[in-house]
N, C-alpha and C. Protein backbone atom coordinates (compact mmCIF):
# COMPACT_ATOMS: atom_id res chain seq x y z
N MET A 1 86.53 68.41 102.81
CA MET A 1 86.29 67.97 104.19
C MET A 1 84.83 67.56 104.36
N ARG A 2 84.60 66.46 105.04
CA ARG A 2 83.25 65.99 105.24
C ARG A 2 82.50 66.90 106.20
N ARG A 3 81.18 66.81 106.15
CA ARG A 3 80.34 67.66 106.98
C ARG A 3 80.65 67.40 108.46
N PRO A 4 80.99 68.43 109.22
CA PRO A 4 81.40 68.20 110.62
C PRO A 4 80.28 67.66 111.49
N TRP A 5 79.02 67.98 111.16
CA TRP A 5 77.92 67.50 112.01
C TRP A 5 77.84 65.98 112.01
N LEU A 6 78.14 65.36 110.87
CA LEU A 6 78.09 63.90 110.81
C LEU A 6 79.25 63.28 111.56
N VAL A 7 80.41 63.94 111.52
CA VAL A 7 81.56 63.46 112.29
C VAL A 7 81.25 63.53 113.78
N LEU A 8 80.68 64.66 114.21
CA LEU A 8 80.31 64.82 115.61
C LEU A 8 79.24 63.81 116.01
N PHE A 9 78.33 63.52 115.10
CA PHE A 9 77.32 62.50 115.37
C PHE A 9 77.98 61.14 115.59
N GLY A 10 78.96 60.83 114.76
CA GLY A 10 79.67 59.56 114.93
C GLY A 10 80.37 59.47 116.27
N VAL A 11 80.99 60.57 116.68
CA VAL A 11 81.68 60.59 117.98
C VAL A 11 80.67 60.42 119.12
N ALA A 12 79.56 61.18 119.05
CA ALA A 12 78.54 61.07 120.10
C ALA A 12 77.95 59.67 120.16
N THR A 13 77.80 59.04 119.00
CA THR A 13 77.28 57.69 118.96
C THR A 13 78.23 56.71 119.63
N LEU A 14 79.52 56.84 119.34
CA LEU A 14 80.49 55.95 119.97
C LEU A 14 80.51 56.12 121.49
N VAL A 15 80.43 57.37 121.94
CA VAL A 15 80.40 57.62 123.39
C VAL A 15 79.15 57.00 124.00
N GLU A 16 78.02 57.16 123.32
CA GLU A 16 76.77 56.58 123.81
C GLU A 16 76.85 55.05 123.89
N LEU A 17 77.42 54.43 122.87
CA LEU A 17 77.54 52.98 122.87
C LEU A 17 78.44 52.50 123.99
N VAL A 18 79.50 53.23 124.24
CA VAL A 18 80.37 52.89 125.38
C VAL A 18 79.60 53.02 126.68
N GLY A 19 78.81 54.10 126.80
CA GLY A 19 78.01 54.29 128.00
C GLY A 19 77.02 53.15 128.22
N VAL A 20 76.40 52.68 127.13
CA VAL A 20 75.46 51.57 127.24
C VAL A 20 76.20 50.29 127.63
N ALA A 21 77.34 50.05 126.98
CA ALA A 21 78.11 48.84 127.26
C ALA A 21 78.58 48.79 128.70
N LEU A 22 78.96 49.96 129.25
CA LEU A 22 79.45 50.03 130.63
C LEU A 22 78.35 50.29 131.64
N ASP A 23 77.13 50.45 131.13
CA ASP A 23 75.98 50.79 131.98
C ASP A 23 76.26 52.05 132.78
N SER A 24 76.83 53.06 132.10
CA SER A 24 77.18 54.33 132.72
C SER A 24 76.07 55.34 132.44
N THR A 25 75.28 55.64 133.44
CA THR A 25 74.18 56.59 133.28
C THR A 25 74.68 57.98 132.92
N VAL A 26 75.77 58.40 133.56
CA VAL A 26 76.32 59.74 133.30
C VAL A 26 76.73 59.87 131.84
N THR A 27 77.44 58.86 131.33
CA THR A 27 77.89 58.90 129.93
C THR A 27 76.71 58.95 128.97
N GLN A 28 75.68 58.19 129.25
CA GLN A 28 74.50 58.19 128.39
C GLN A 28 73.78 59.54 128.42
N TRP A 29 73.71 60.17 129.59
CA TRP A 29 73.10 61.49 129.68
C TRP A 29 73.91 62.53 128.91
N LEU A 30 75.22 62.34 128.84
CA LEU A 30 76.06 63.28 128.11
C LEU A 30 75.93 63.12 126.60
N ALA A 31 75.76 61.88 126.13
CA ALA A 31 75.83 61.62 124.69
C ALA A 31 74.47 61.48 124.01
N LYS A 32 73.56 60.74 124.60
CA LYS A 32 72.31 60.42 123.91
C LYS A 32 71.49 61.64 123.51
N PRO A 33 71.36 62.66 124.37
CA PRO A 33 70.57 63.84 123.98
C PRO A 33 71.18 64.64 122.84
N LEU A 34 72.42 64.34 122.45
CA LEU A 34 73.07 65.08 121.37
C LEU A 34 72.81 64.47 119.99
N LEU A 35 72.38 63.22 119.94
CA LEU A 35 72.33 62.51 118.66
C LEU A 35 71.40 63.18 117.66
N ALA A 36 70.13 63.30 117.99
CA ALA A 36 69.18 63.91 117.05
C ALA A 36 69.49 65.38 116.78
N PRO A 37 69.89 66.20 117.79
CA PRO A 37 70.23 67.59 117.50
C PRO A 37 71.39 67.75 116.51
N LEU A 38 72.38 66.87 116.57
CA LEU A 38 73.50 66.96 115.62
C LEU A 38 73.01 66.68 114.20
N LEU A 39 72.11 65.73 114.06
CA LEU A 39 71.54 65.46 112.73
C LEU A 39 70.61 66.59 112.31
N LEU A 40 69.93 67.21 113.26
CA LEU A 40 69.09 68.37 112.96
C LEU A 40 69.94 69.52 112.43
N ALA A 41 71.10 69.73 113.03
CA ALA A 41 72.01 70.78 112.55
C ALA A 41 72.47 70.48 111.13
N TYR A 42 72.79 69.22 110.87
CA TYR A 42 73.18 68.81 109.51
C TYR A 42 72.05 69.05 108.52
N LEU A 43 70.82 68.68 108.91
CA LEU A 43 69.66 68.86 108.04
C LEU A 43 69.44 70.34 107.74
N TRP A 44 69.56 71.18 108.75
CA TRP A 44 69.38 72.61 108.55
C TRP A 44 70.46 73.18 107.63
N GLU A 45 71.69 72.74 107.81
CA GLU A 45 72.79 73.22 106.98
C GLU A 45 72.56 72.88 105.51
N ARG A 46 71.97 71.74 105.26
CA ARG A 46 71.78 71.30 103.88
C ARG A 46 70.50 71.82 103.24
N ARG A 47 69.43 72.01 104.04
CA ARG A 47 68.14 72.37 103.46
C ARG A 47 67.67 73.78 103.80
N ARG A 48 68.13 74.34 104.92
CA ARG A 48 67.77 75.71 105.32
C ARG A 48 66.27 75.92 105.40
N ARG A 49 65.58 74.93 105.90
CA ARG A 49 64.14 75.07 106.11
C ARG A 49 63.70 74.08 107.18
N VAL A 50 62.59 74.40 107.82
CA VAL A 50 62.01 73.50 108.80
C VAL A 50 60.98 72.63 108.08
N ASP A 51 61.20 71.33 108.09
CA ASP A 51 60.27 70.42 107.44
C ASP A 51 59.86 69.34 108.45
N PRO A 52 58.95 68.43 108.08
CA PRO A 52 58.51 67.42 109.04
C PRO A 52 59.64 66.53 109.57
N VAL A 53 60.67 66.28 108.78
CA VAL A 53 61.78 65.48 109.28
C VAL A 53 62.49 66.22 110.42
N ALA A 54 62.64 67.54 110.27
CA ALA A 54 63.23 68.33 111.35
C ALA A 54 62.36 68.27 112.60
N VAL A 55 61.05 68.36 112.44
CA VAL A 55 60.13 68.25 113.58
C VAL A 55 60.29 66.88 114.24
N GLY A 56 60.44 65.85 113.42
CA GLY A 56 60.63 64.50 113.95
C GLY A 56 61.89 64.36 114.76
N LEU A 57 62.97 65.03 114.34
CA LEU A 57 64.23 64.97 115.08
C LEU A 57 64.12 65.72 116.41
N VAL A 58 63.38 66.82 116.43
CA VAL A 58 63.15 67.53 117.70
C VAL A 58 62.39 66.63 118.67
N ALA A 59 61.35 65.96 118.17
CA ALA A 59 60.58 65.06 119.02
C ALA A 59 61.43 63.88 119.49
N ALA A 60 62.32 63.40 118.63
CA ALA A 60 63.21 62.30 119.00
C ALA A 60 64.15 62.71 120.13
N THR A 61 64.60 63.97 120.11
CA THR A 61 65.44 64.47 121.20
C THR A 61 64.70 64.41 122.53
N ALA A 62 63.45 64.88 122.53
CA ALA A 62 62.63 64.82 123.75
C ALA A 62 62.40 63.38 124.19
N GLY A 63 62.18 62.50 123.22
CA GLY A 63 61.98 61.09 123.54
C GLY A 63 63.22 60.44 124.12
N ASP A 64 64.39 60.78 123.58
CA ASP A 64 65.64 60.23 124.10
C ASP A 64 65.85 60.64 125.56
N VAL A 65 65.56 61.89 125.87
CA VAL A 65 65.71 62.37 127.25
C VAL A 65 64.73 61.65 128.17
N ALA A 66 63.48 61.52 127.72
CA ALA A 66 62.46 60.86 128.54
C ALA A 66 62.84 59.42 128.83
N LEU A 67 63.40 58.73 127.84
CA LEU A 67 63.74 57.32 128.04
C LEU A 67 64.98 57.11 128.89
N LEU A 68 65.70 58.18 129.17
CA LEU A 68 66.82 58.07 130.11
C LEU A 68 66.34 58.06 131.56
N VAL A 69 65.09 58.45 131.77
CA VAL A 69 64.52 58.50 133.12
C VAL A 69 63.83 57.17 133.40
N PRO A 70 64.14 56.51 134.50
CA PRO A 70 63.51 55.22 134.79
C PRO A 70 62.03 55.37 135.15
N GLY A 71 61.26 54.31 134.93
CA GLY A 71 59.86 54.30 135.32
C GLY A 71 58.91 54.24 134.14
N ARG A 72 57.70 53.74 134.41
CA ARG A 72 56.71 53.56 133.35
C ARG A 72 56.20 54.89 132.81
N VAL A 73 56.03 55.89 133.68
CA VAL A 73 55.52 57.19 133.21
C VAL A 73 56.49 57.79 132.20
N ALA A 74 57.78 57.74 132.51
CA ALA A 74 58.78 58.27 131.58
C ALA A 74 58.81 57.46 130.29
N PHE A 75 58.63 56.14 130.40
CA PHE A 75 58.60 55.29 129.21
C PHE A 75 57.44 55.68 128.30
N LEU A 76 56.27 55.90 128.89
CA LEU A 76 55.11 56.30 128.09
C LEU A 76 55.30 57.68 127.49
N ALA A 77 55.94 58.58 128.26
CA ALA A 77 56.22 59.91 127.71
C ALA A 77 57.17 59.81 126.53
N GLY A 78 58.19 58.97 126.66
CA GLY A 78 59.12 58.77 125.55
C GLY A 78 58.42 58.18 124.34
N MET A 79 57.53 57.23 124.58
CA MET A 79 56.79 56.64 123.47
C MET A 79 55.94 57.70 122.77
N GLY A 80 55.33 58.59 123.57
CA GLY A 80 54.53 59.67 122.98
C GLY A 80 55.36 60.59 122.11
N CYS A 81 56.57 60.93 122.59
CA CYS A 81 57.47 61.77 121.79
C CYS A 81 57.85 61.08 120.49
N PHE A 82 58.16 59.80 120.56
CA PHE A 82 58.55 59.08 119.35
C PHE A 82 57.36 58.82 118.43
N LEU A 83 56.16 58.82 118.99
CA LEU A 83 54.98 58.77 118.11
C LEU A 83 54.93 60.02 117.24
N VAL A 84 55.23 61.17 117.84
CA VAL A 84 55.32 62.41 117.05
C VAL A 84 56.39 62.28 115.98
N THR A 85 57.53 61.68 116.34
CA THR A 85 58.61 61.46 115.36
C THR A 85 58.11 60.63 114.18
N GLN A 86 57.45 59.52 114.48
CA GLN A 86 56.99 58.64 113.39
C GLN A 86 55.97 59.34 112.50
N ILE A 87 55.06 60.08 113.12
CA ILE A 87 54.04 60.78 112.32
C ILE A 87 54.68 61.86 111.47
N ALA A 88 55.66 62.57 112.03
CA ALA A 88 56.34 63.62 111.27
C ALA A 88 57.10 63.02 110.09
N PHE A 89 57.87 61.96 110.34
CA PHE A 89 58.59 61.30 109.25
C PHE A 89 57.61 60.77 108.20
N LEU A 90 56.54 60.15 108.65
CA LEU A 90 55.54 59.61 107.73
C LEU A 90 54.96 60.71 106.85
N THR A 91 54.64 61.85 107.45
CA THR A 91 54.10 62.97 106.69
C THR A 91 55.07 63.43 105.61
N ALA A 92 56.35 63.57 105.98
CA ALA A 92 57.36 63.99 105.01
C ALA A 92 57.48 63.01 103.86
N PHE A 93 57.55 61.73 104.19
CA PHE A 93 57.77 60.72 103.15
C PHE A 93 56.58 60.60 102.21
N LEU A 94 55.36 60.69 102.76
CA LEU A 94 54.18 60.58 101.91
C LEU A 94 54.04 61.78 100.98
N ARG A 95 54.47 62.95 101.45
CA ARG A 95 54.44 64.14 100.58
C ARG A 95 55.42 63.99 99.43
N HIS A 96 56.49 63.25 99.69
CA HIS A 96 57.53 63.09 98.67
C HIS A 96 57.14 62.05 97.62
N ARG A 97 56.63 60.91 98.06
CA ARG A 97 56.31 59.83 97.12
C ARG A 97 55.45 58.78 97.83
N ARG A 98 54.61 58.12 97.08
CA ARG A 98 53.81 57.04 97.66
C ARG A 98 54.69 55.82 97.94
N PRO A 99 54.41 55.11 99.02
CA PRO A 99 55.21 53.92 99.32
C PRO A 99 54.85 52.76 98.40
N PRO A 100 55.79 51.86 98.14
CA PRO A 100 55.48 50.66 97.36
C PRO A 100 54.43 49.81 98.07
N VAL A 101 53.50 49.26 97.32
CA VAL A 101 52.44 48.45 97.91
C VAL A 101 53.03 47.25 98.66
N ALA A 102 54.06 46.64 98.07
CA ALA A 102 54.67 45.47 98.70
C ALA A 102 55.24 45.82 100.07
N ALA A 103 55.87 47.00 100.18
CA ALA A 103 56.43 47.42 101.46
C ALA A 103 55.32 47.66 102.47
N LEU A 104 54.24 48.29 102.04
CA LEU A 104 53.13 48.57 102.94
C LEU A 104 52.52 47.27 103.47
N VAL A 105 52.27 46.33 102.58
CA VAL A 105 51.68 45.05 102.99
C VAL A 105 52.64 44.29 103.90
N GLY A 106 53.92 44.26 103.53
CA GLY A 106 54.90 43.54 104.33
C GLY A 106 55.03 44.08 105.74
N TYR A 107 55.09 45.40 105.86
CA TYR A 107 55.24 46.00 107.20
C TYR A 107 53.97 45.84 108.03
N LEU A 108 52.81 45.90 107.40
CA LEU A 108 51.57 45.70 108.17
C LEU A 108 51.47 44.25 108.66
N LEU A 109 51.92 43.31 107.86
CA LEU A 109 51.93 41.92 108.30
C LEU A 109 52.92 41.73 109.45
N ALA A 110 54.07 42.39 109.35
CA ALA A 110 55.06 42.31 110.42
C ALA A 110 54.51 42.94 111.70
N TRP A 111 53.80 44.06 111.55
CA TRP A 111 53.17 44.73 112.71
C TRP A 111 52.18 43.80 113.40
N ALA A 112 51.32 43.16 112.61
CA ALA A 112 50.32 42.26 113.18
C ALA A 112 50.98 41.07 113.86
N GLY A 113 52.00 40.50 113.23
CA GLY A 113 52.67 39.35 113.79
C GLY A 113 53.40 39.66 115.08
N ALA A 114 54.14 40.79 115.10
CA ALA A 114 54.90 41.16 116.29
C ALA A 114 53.97 41.44 117.47
N ASN A 115 52.86 42.15 117.22
CA ASN A 115 51.93 42.44 118.30
C ASN A 115 51.22 41.18 118.79
N ALA A 116 50.97 40.24 117.90
CA ALA A 116 50.35 38.98 118.32
C ALA A 116 51.29 38.20 119.24
N LEU A 117 52.59 38.23 118.93
CA LEU A 117 53.57 37.51 119.74
C LEU A 117 53.77 38.14 121.12
N LEU A 118 53.76 39.48 121.16
CA LEU A 118 54.05 40.17 122.42
C LEU A 118 52.81 40.49 123.24
N TRP A 119 51.64 40.35 122.67
CA TRP A 119 50.40 40.82 123.28
C TRP A 119 50.19 40.29 124.70
N GLY A 120 50.41 39.01 124.89
CA GLY A 120 50.14 38.41 126.17
C GLY A 120 51.08 38.83 127.27
N SER A 121 52.23 39.45 126.91
CA SER A 121 53.23 39.82 127.92
C SER A 121 53.32 41.32 128.16
N LEU A 122 52.59 42.12 127.41
CA LEU A 122 52.73 43.57 127.51
C LEU A 122 51.87 44.19 128.60
N GLY A 123 50.83 43.51 129.03
CA GLY A 123 49.98 44.03 130.10
C GLY A 123 49.35 45.37 129.74
N ALA A 124 49.53 46.36 130.63
CA ALA A 124 48.93 47.68 130.44
C ALA A 124 49.51 48.43 129.25
N LEU A 125 50.64 47.96 128.73
CA LEU A 125 51.27 48.64 127.59
C LEU A 125 50.71 48.17 126.25
N ARG A 126 49.77 47.24 126.26
CA ARG A 126 49.30 46.65 125.00
C ARG A 126 48.80 47.70 124.01
N LEU A 127 47.84 48.52 124.45
CA LEU A 127 47.24 49.49 123.52
C LEU A 127 48.22 50.58 123.10
N PRO A 128 49.01 51.16 124.03
CA PRO A 128 50.01 52.13 123.59
C PRO A 128 51.00 51.56 122.58
N VAL A 129 51.46 50.34 122.83
CA VAL A 129 52.40 49.71 121.91
C VAL A 129 51.72 49.42 120.57
N LEU A 130 50.47 48.99 120.61
CA LEU A 130 49.74 48.70 119.37
C LEU A 130 49.66 49.94 118.48
N GLY A 131 49.27 51.08 119.09
CA GLY A 131 49.15 52.30 118.31
C GLY A 131 50.49 52.83 117.83
N TYR A 132 51.47 52.85 118.73
CA TYR A 132 52.78 53.36 118.35
C TYR A 132 53.41 52.50 117.25
N SER A 133 53.34 51.19 117.41
CA SER A 133 53.97 50.31 116.43
C SER A 133 53.31 50.40 115.06
N LEU A 134 52.01 50.73 115.03
CA LEU A 134 51.34 50.93 113.74
C LEU A 134 51.93 52.14 113.03
N ALA A 135 52.07 53.26 113.78
CA ALA A 135 52.67 54.45 113.18
C ALA A 135 54.10 54.17 112.72
N LEU A 136 54.87 53.44 113.51
CA LEU A 136 56.23 53.08 113.15
C LEU A 136 56.28 52.24 111.89
N SER A 137 55.39 51.26 111.78
CA SER A 137 55.36 50.39 110.60
C SER A 137 54.98 51.17 109.35
N LEU A 138 54.02 52.09 109.48
CA LEU A 138 53.64 52.91 108.33
C LEU A 138 54.78 53.83 107.92
N MET A 139 55.51 54.36 108.90
CA MET A 139 56.67 55.19 108.58
C MET A 139 57.72 54.39 107.82
N ALA A 140 58.01 53.18 108.30
CA ALA A 140 59.02 52.35 107.63
C ALA A 140 58.60 52.02 106.20
N ALA A 141 57.32 51.75 106.01
CA ALA A 141 56.83 51.48 104.65
C ALA A 141 56.97 52.71 103.77
N ALA A 142 56.61 53.87 104.30
CA ALA A 142 56.73 55.11 103.52
C ALA A 142 58.18 55.44 103.21
N ALA A 143 59.09 55.13 104.15
CA ALA A 143 60.52 55.38 103.92
C ALA A 143 61.03 54.61 102.70
N ALA A 144 60.43 53.45 102.46
CA ALA A 144 60.84 52.64 101.31
C ALA A 144 60.53 53.33 99.98
N GLY A 145 59.62 54.29 100.00
CA GLY A 145 59.28 55.01 98.78
C GLY A 145 60.17 56.19 98.50
N VAL A 146 61.05 56.55 99.43
CA VAL A 146 61.92 57.72 99.26
C VAL A 146 63.23 57.33 98.61
N SER A 147 63.95 56.40 99.22
CA SER A 147 65.22 55.93 98.67
C SER A 147 65.64 54.67 99.40
N ARG A 148 66.65 54.01 98.88
CA ARG A 148 67.15 52.80 99.55
C ARG A 148 67.72 53.14 100.92
N ARG A 149 68.34 54.31 101.03
CA ARG A 149 68.94 54.68 102.31
C ARG A 149 67.88 54.94 103.37
N THR A 150 66.85 55.68 103.01
CA THR A 150 65.77 55.91 103.98
C THR A 150 65.03 54.62 104.28
N ALA A 151 64.91 53.75 103.29
CA ALA A 151 64.27 52.45 103.51
C ALA A 151 65.03 51.65 104.55
N ALA A 152 66.36 51.65 104.44
CA ALA A 152 67.18 50.95 105.43
C ALA A 152 67.03 51.58 106.81
N GLY A 153 66.95 52.93 106.85
CA GLY A 153 66.76 53.61 108.11
C GLY A 153 65.43 53.28 108.76
N GLY A 154 64.37 53.25 107.95
CA GLY A 154 63.06 52.89 108.48
C GLY A 154 63.03 51.48 109.03
N ALA A 155 63.67 50.55 108.31
CA ALA A 155 63.72 49.16 108.77
C ALA A 155 64.48 49.04 110.09
N LEU A 156 65.61 49.75 110.21
CA LEU A 156 66.40 49.69 111.44
C LEU A 156 65.67 50.33 112.61
N PHE A 157 64.90 51.38 112.34
CA PHE A 157 64.10 52.00 113.40
C PHE A 157 63.11 50.98 113.95
N LEU A 158 62.48 50.24 113.05
CA LEU A 158 61.53 49.23 113.47
C LEU A 158 62.21 48.13 114.29
N VAL A 159 63.38 47.70 113.84
CA VAL A 159 64.13 46.67 114.57
C VAL A 159 64.48 47.16 115.97
N SER A 160 64.97 48.40 116.06
CA SER A 160 65.35 48.96 117.35
C SER A 160 64.17 48.98 118.32
N ASP A 161 63.02 49.48 117.84
CA ASP A 161 61.87 49.58 118.73
C ASP A 161 61.24 48.22 119.02
N LEU A 162 61.40 47.27 118.10
CA LEU A 162 60.94 45.91 118.37
C LEU A 162 61.74 45.31 119.53
N LEU A 163 63.04 45.59 119.55
CA LEU A 163 63.88 45.12 120.65
C LEU A 163 63.49 45.77 121.97
N ILE A 164 63.09 47.04 121.92
CA ILE A 164 62.57 47.69 123.14
C ILE A 164 61.27 47.02 123.57
N GLY A 165 60.42 46.69 122.60
CA GLY A 165 59.17 46.00 122.90
C GLY A 165 59.40 44.65 123.55
N VAL A 166 60.43 43.95 123.08
CA VAL A 166 60.77 42.65 123.68
C VAL A 166 61.13 42.85 125.16
N GLY A 167 61.91 43.91 125.45
CA GLY A 167 62.26 44.20 126.83
C GLY A 167 61.04 44.57 127.66
N ALA A 168 60.13 45.37 127.08
CA ALA A 168 58.92 45.77 127.80
C ALA A 168 58.04 44.57 128.09
N ALA A 169 58.14 43.54 127.25
CA ALA A 169 57.35 42.33 127.45
C ALA A 169 58.02 41.34 128.40
N GLY A 170 59.17 41.74 128.93
CA GLY A 170 59.86 40.88 129.90
C GLY A 170 60.94 40.01 129.32
N GLY A 171 61.21 40.14 128.04
CA GLY A 171 62.26 39.35 127.40
C GLY A 171 63.58 40.10 127.40
N ASP A 172 64.65 39.35 127.39
CA ASP A 172 65.97 39.98 127.38
C ASP A 172 67.00 38.98 126.90
N PHE A 173 68.15 39.49 126.43
CA PHE A 173 69.28 38.66 126.06
C PHE A 173 70.52 39.52 126.11
N PRO A 174 71.69 38.93 126.24
CA PRO A 174 72.93 39.72 126.35
C PRO A 174 73.13 40.63 125.14
N GLY A 175 73.42 41.88 125.41
CA GLY A 175 73.69 42.83 124.34
C GLY A 175 72.47 43.48 123.73
N ARG A 176 71.29 43.21 124.30
CA ARG A 176 70.07 43.78 123.70
C ARG A 176 70.09 45.31 123.74
N ASP A 177 70.45 45.88 124.89
CA ASP A 177 70.46 47.34 125.01
C ASP A 177 71.44 47.96 124.02
N LEU A 178 72.59 47.32 123.84
CA LEU A 178 73.58 47.84 122.90
C LEU A 178 73.04 47.77 121.47
N LEU A 179 72.37 46.69 121.15
CA LEU A 179 71.80 46.54 119.81
C LEU A 179 70.68 47.54 119.58
N VAL A 180 69.88 47.80 120.61
CA VAL A 180 68.82 48.82 120.51
C VAL A 180 69.42 50.16 120.12
N MET A 181 70.49 50.53 120.83
CA MET A 181 71.09 51.84 120.59
C MET A 181 71.77 51.93 119.24
N ALA A 182 72.47 50.87 118.87
CA ALA A 182 73.19 50.89 117.59
C ALA A 182 72.23 50.99 116.41
N THR A 183 71.16 50.20 116.43
CA THR A 183 70.20 50.25 115.33
C THR A 183 69.44 51.57 115.29
N TYR A 184 69.17 52.13 116.47
CA TYR A 184 68.46 53.41 116.53
C TYR A 184 69.29 54.54 115.93
N ALA A 185 70.54 54.63 116.35
CA ALA A 185 71.41 55.70 115.84
C ALA A 185 71.63 55.55 114.34
N ALA A 186 71.83 54.32 113.90
CA ALA A 186 71.98 54.09 112.46
C ALA A 186 70.73 54.48 111.71
N ALA A 187 69.56 54.19 112.30
CA ALA A 187 68.29 54.54 111.66
C ALA A 187 68.16 56.05 111.48
N LEU A 188 68.45 56.81 112.53
CA LEU A 188 68.36 58.27 112.43
C LEU A 188 69.32 58.80 111.39
N LEU A 189 70.53 58.26 111.37
CA LEU A 189 71.54 58.71 110.41
C LEU A 189 71.11 58.44 108.98
N LEU A 190 70.66 57.23 108.71
CA LEU A 190 70.27 56.86 107.35
C LEU A 190 69.03 57.63 106.90
N ILE A 191 68.07 57.81 107.80
CA ILE A 191 66.86 58.55 107.42
C ILE A 191 67.20 60.00 107.11
N THR A 192 68.02 60.62 107.94
CA THR A 192 68.34 62.04 107.74
C THR A 192 69.17 62.26 106.49
N THR A 193 70.24 61.51 106.33
CA THR A 193 71.09 61.70 105.14
C THR A 193 70.37 61.25 103.88
N GLY A 194 69.55 60.21 103.98
CA GLY A 194 68.78 59.77 102.82
C GLY A 194 67.75 60.81 102.40
N TRP A 195 67.13 61.44 103.39
CA TRP A 195 66.14 62.48 103.10
C TRP A 195 66.81 63.68 102.43
N VAL A 196 67.97 64.07 102.93
CA VAL A 196 68.70 65.18 102.32
C VAL A 196 69.04 64.86 100.87
N ALA A 197 69.56 63.68 100.62
CA ALA A 197 69.94 63.30 99.26
C ALA A 197 68.73 63.27 98.32
N ALA A 198 67.59 62.82 98.83
CA ALA A 198 66.40 62.70 97.99
C ALA A 198 65.71 64.03 97.70
N THR A 199 65.92 65.02 98.57
CA THR A 199 65.16 66.26 98.45
C THR A 199 66.00 67.47 98.04
N THR A 200 67.30 67.33 97.97
CA THR A 200 68.14 68.45 97.55
C THR A 200 68.76 68.24 96.18
N GLY A 201 68.68 67.03 95.66
CA GLY A 201 69.28 66.75 94.36
C GLY A 201 70.78 66.61 94.43
N ARG A 202 71.34 66.65 95.65
CA ARG A 202 72.78 66.48 95.83
C ARG A 202 73.02 65.27 96.72
N PRO A 203 73.96 64.41 96.36
CA PRO A 203 74.21 63.24 97.20
C PRO A 203 74.72 63.64 98.57
N ALA A 204 74.13 63.04 99.59
CA ALA A 204 74.63 63.28 100.95
C ALA A 204 75.92 62.52 101.14
N PRO A 205 76.89 63.09 101.84
CA PRO A 205 78.16 62.40 102.04
C PRO A 205 77.97 61.16 102.88
N THR A 206 78.71 60.11 102.55
CA THR A 206 78.69 58.90 103.36
C THR A 206 79.58 59.12 104.56
N PRO A 207 79.04 59.06 105.79
CA PRO A 207 79.84 59.34 106.97
C PRO A 207 80.95 58.31 107.15
N ASP A 208 82.05 58.75 107.76
CA ASP A 208 83.13 57.83 108.04
C ASP A 208 82.68 56.76 109.04
N ILE A 209 81.77 57.13 109.92
CA ILE A 209 81.31 56.19 110.95
C ILE A 209 79.83 55.98 110.76
N LEU A 210 79.46 54.79 110.28
CA LEU A 210 78.06 54.48 110.11
C LEU A 210 77.57 53.66 111.29
N LEU A 211 78.17 53.89 112.44
CA LEU A 211 77.70 53.24 113.66
C LEU A 211 76.51 54.01 114.15
N SER A 212 76.01 53.37 114.85
CA SER A 212 75.04 54.18 115.38
C SER A 212 75.25 54.14 116.86
N ARG A 213 70.70 53.66 120.46
CA ARG A 213 69.94 54.06 121.38
C ARG A 213 70.81 53.50 122.37
């Protein structure tokens, strides 16, 4: 039987995606705060220790709750929580292995390019976004040094937050919120299961549902 925490994560993800698609605030409040804790339970079951990835998932839970609250103050609070997530993940990955130089250069170029494109539209969010996105880009680069699965998770995390940045800059398109959530949940799943596989010497099970803010 597959690990129940990953099955429950898949169910919570589907409920969250439905809530986003229907613009149901109640449904999102019921499902979104469960995503990172379910992966935290899976991580604990497999590793039986508190590590930086676990700390990152706790911070992600706080960030998810903050981002459910409307307003700029809540948005900045959520960004602060996810900054802790990125730093925690980055710390874990760097302790495990150095990132490939090509990944580091590529992500830093992407960081510079994305901020140059959005800079004129971000207003007061420019500096917070600049700092947060740097930590995110470094995390994604470091994830590439752990495994292909964590590399994919790091890349999807960056895509998800880039889409949030587009919204913060005043841009939008149909399905953006759904895509933000799907890529975010997939990122957390791939990072957590990839980290378990890389650090326990045992392959993490491939979840039946690889769906994923």
